């Protein structure tokens, strides 16, 4: 049995796929809620003559959640924008090394900016007691999506390193990098 097949049939892999599937469904539900919220805002404003005061606030927070979680999911699928023109000109060994360095840089960025910085954002906004004006929600809880998306990006980057899916161009031509 090959190593890749062993990874794909392991219990940990099946659990991880369920976590990712749950993240996908959460993002779908949030996007659907965002669509219904904006629709209600338009109906209440133009149909009823007075927009519900909470619709804009809910839409803003939902778009942040959908954007950050969706970005993490697209990173996993390599659906994000990438400029690999120069890397494609390198020999395979240099491409492999460049791909590994890029994944490590992503892990470092996500760790410090999203997880650490986002965690500090959550802590400070909870400490300050900030609440949203219309709904009265604690802003710190709404901001938890920043470190959460960072954790997923780190996990997806580690997944790329383990499975060898470290560049979009390699996936497009069906070649493994590692």
Protein backbone atom coordinates (compact mmCIF):
# COMPACT_ATOMS: atom_id res chain seq x y z
CA UNK A 1 0.00 0.00 0.00
CA UNK A 2 1.46 3.38 -0.97
CA UNK A 3 2.00 6.17 1.58
CA UNK A 4 -0.53 8.43 -0.16
CA UNK A 5 -3.20 5.71 -0.12
CA UNK A 6 -2.46 5.08 3.57
CA UNK A 7 -2.94 8.80 4.30
CA UNK A 8 -6.22 8.98 2.39
CA UNK A 9 -7.76 5.95 4.11
CA UNK A 10 -6.66 6.71 7.67
CA UNK A 11 -9.12 7.59 10.39
CA UNK A 12 -7.45 10.97 10.85
CA UNK A 13 -7.92 11.77 7.18
CA UNK A 14 -11.61 10.82 7.29
CA UNK A 15 -12.14 12.99 10.38
CA UNK A 16 -10.28 15.88 8.73
CA UNK A 17 -12.45 15.58 5.61
CA UNK A 18 -15.56 15.78 7.81
CA UNK A 19 -14.20 18.91 9.51
CA UNK A 20 -13.55 20.49 6.11
CA UNK A 21 -17.01 19.41 4.92
CA UNK A 22 -18.50 21.05 8.03
CA UNK A 23 -16.58 24.25 7.25
CA UNK A 24 -17.94 24.18 3.71
CA UNK A 25 -21.50 23.76 4.93
CA UNK A 26 -21.06 26.49 7.54
CA UNK A 27 -19.87 28.85 4.82
CA UNK A 28 -22.83 27.89 2.62
CA UNK A 29 -25.29 28.49 5.46
CA UNK A 30 -23.69 31.84 6.29
CA UNK A 31 -23.81 32.90 2.63
CA UNK A 32 -27.45 31.86 2.36
CA UNK A 33 -28.22 33.82 5.52
CA UNK A 34 -26.37 36.81 4.10
CA UNK A 35 -28.44 36.63 0.92
CA UNK A 36 -31.72 36.42 2.85
CA UNK A 37 -30.65 39.24 5.17
CA UNK A 38 -29.84 41.58 2.28
CA UNK A 39 -33.07 40.59 0.54
CA UNK A 40 -35.05 41.41 3.69
CA UNK A 41 -33.22 44.73 3.98
CA UNK A 42 -34.26 45.69 0.46
CA UNK A 43 -37.85 44.51 0.95
CA UNK A 44 -38.20 46.29 4.27
CA UNK A 45 -36.70 49.50 2.91
CA UNK A 46 -38.49 49.76 -0.42
CA UNK A 47 -41.53 47.59 0.18
CA UNK A 48 -42.38 48.55 3.75
CA UNK A 49 -40.90 52.04 3.71
CA UNK A 50 -38.49 51.55 6.63
CA UNK A 51 -35.42 49.34 6.61
CA UNK A 52 -35.00 47.03 9.56
CA UNK A 53 -32.17 48.53 11.58
CA UNK A 54 -30.35 45.25 12.11
CA UNK A 55 -30.04 44.08 8.48
CA UNK A 56 -26.98 46.16 7.57
CA UNK A 57 -25.10 45.18 10.71
CA UNK A 58 -25.83 41.48 10.20
CA UNK A 59 -24.83 41.72 6.52
CA UNK A 60 -21.50 43.37 7.34
CA UNK A 61 -20.60 40.69 9.87
CA UNK A 62 -21.76 37.85 7.65
CA UNK A 63 -19.71 39.10 4.70
CA UNK A 64 -16.61 39.17 6.91
CA UNK A 65 -17.23 35.58 8.03
CA UNK A 66 -18.03 34.32 4.53
CA UNK A 67 -14.98 36.09 3.07
CA UNK A 68 -12.47 34.77 5.60
CA UNK A 69 -13.81 31.22 5.77
CA UNK A 70 -14.25 31.14 1.99
CA UNK A 71 -10.69 32.37 1.51
CA UNK A 72 -9.41 29.53 3.70
CA UNK A 73 -11.43 26.99 1.72
CA UNK A 74 -10.18 28.38 -1.59
CA UNK A 75 -6.63 28.23 -0.29
CA UNK A 76 -7.11 24.52 0.39
CA UNK A 77 -8.39 23.94 -3.13
CA UNK A 78 -5.68 26.18 -4.62
CA UNK A 79 -8.45 28.35 -6.10
CA UNK A 80 -6.80 31.59 -5.02
CA UNK A 81 -4.79 33.93 -7.20
CA UNK A 82 -1.17 32.90 -7.56
CA UNK A 83 1.66 34.21 -9.69
CA UNK A 84 3.92 31.31 -10.55
CA UNK A 85 5.34 32.39 -13.90
CA UNK A 86 8.93 32.63 -12.67
CA UNK A 87 8.67 29.55 -10.47
CA UNK A 88 7.51 27.59 -13.52
CA UNK A 89 10.80 28.46 -15.23
CA UNK A 90 12.84 26.78 -12.48
CA UNK A 91 14.07 23.20 -12.56
CA UNK A 92 11.97 20.66 -10.58
CA UNK A 93 14.25 20.67 -7.52
CA UNK A 94 14.15 24.47 -7.27
CA UNK A 95 10.35 24.43 -7.80
CA UNK A 96 10.01 21.92 -4.97
CA UNK A 97 12.14 24.05 -2.67
CA UNK A 98 10.29 27.24 -3.65
CA UNK A 99 6.93 25.55 -3.00
CA UNK A 100 8.04 24.41 0.46
CA UNK A 101 9.38 27.87 1.31
CA UNK A 102 6.10 29.44 0.15
CA UNK A 103 4.04 27.10 2.34
CA UNK A 104 6.27 27.84 5.34
CA UNK A 105 5.90 31.59 4.69
CA UNK A 106 2.11 31.16 4.59
CA UNK A 107 2.20 29.28 7.90
CA UNK A 108 4.30 32.05 9.48
CA UNK A 109 2.04 34.81 8.10
CA UNK A 110 -1.17 33.07 9.18
CA UNK A 111 0.32 32.31 12.61
CA UNK A 112 1.38 35.85 13.41
CA UNK A 113 -1.16 37.98 11.56
CA UNK A 114 -4.34 35.93 11.65
CA UNK A 115 -3.99 33.69 14.69
CA UNK A 116 -1.92 35.87 17.02
CA UNK A 117 -3.14 39.25 15.76
CA UNK A 118 -6.71 38.03 15.42
CA UNK A 119 -6.54 36.50 18.87
CA UNK A 120 -5.34 39.80 20.31
CA UNK A 121 -8.19 41.55 18.46
CA UNK A 122 -10.71 39.19 20.03
CA UNK A 123 -9.21 39.58 23.52
CA UNK A 124 -9.00 43.37 23.35
CA UNK A 125 -12.50 43.87 21.96
CA UNK A 126 -13.94 41.55 24.60
CA UNK A 127 -11.93 43.33 27.31
CA UNK A 128 -13.16 46.74 26.14
CA UNK A 129 -16.77 45.57 26.14
CA UNK A 130 -17.47 46.74 22.58
CA UNK A 131 -20.92 45.81 21.32
CA UNK A 132 -22.60 46.29 17.99
CA UNK A 133 -25.04 49.22 17.90
CA UNK A 134 -28.15 47.52 16.48
CA UNK A 135 -27.95 44.00 17.84
CA UNK A 136 -25.89 44.52 20.99
CA UNK A 137 -23.58 41.60 20.14
CA UNK A 138 -20.09 41.52 21.65
CA UNK A 139 -17.69 42.48 18.86
CA UNK A 140 -14.99 40.15 20.18
CA UNK A 141 -17.15 37.11 19.48
CA UNK A 142 -17.81 38.33 15.94
CA UNK A 143 -14.05 38.79 15.40
CA UNK A 144 -13.28 35.19 16.34
CA UNK A 145 -13.43 34.36 12.63
CA UNK A 146 -10.01 36.00 12.13
CA UNK A 147 -7.98 33.53 14.23
CA UNK A 148 -10.31 30.70 13.18
CA UNK A 149 -9.62 31.29 9.49
CA UNK A 150 -5.90 31.54 10.31
CA UNK A 151 -5.99 28.14 11.99
CA UNK A 152 -7.66 26.63 8.95
CA UNK A 153 -5.13 28.23 6.59
CA UNK A 154 -2.28 26.83 8.70
CA UNK A 155 -3.90 23.39 8.73
CA UNK A 156 -4.48 23.50 4.96
CA UNK A 157 -0.88 24.56 4.40
CA UNK A 158 0.35 21.64 6.50
CA UNK A 159 -2.00 19.41 4.52
CA UNK A 160 -0.42 20.71 1.29
CA UNK A 161 3.04 19.89 2.62
CA UNK A 162 2.03 16.38 3.72
CA UNK A 163 0.15 15.49 0.53
CA UNK A 164 2.52 17.26 -1.85
CA UNK A 165 -0.12 19.70 -3.14
CA UNK A 166 2.07 22.75 -2.61
CA UNK A 167 1.49 24.65 -5.85
CA UNK A 168 -1.51 25.28 -8.06
CA UNK A 169 0.54 24.84 -11.23
CA UNK A 170 1.70 21.39 -10.13
CA UNK A 171 -1.89 20.39 -9.45
CA UNK A 172 -2.98 21.69 -12.84
CA UNK A 173 -0.55 19.39 -14.66
CA UNK A 174 -1.15 16.50 -12.26
CA UNK A 175 2.34 16.41 -10.76
CA UNK A 176 3.21 16.04 -7.12
CA UNK A 177 5.75 18.53 -5.73
CA UNK A 178 7.00 16.64 -2.68
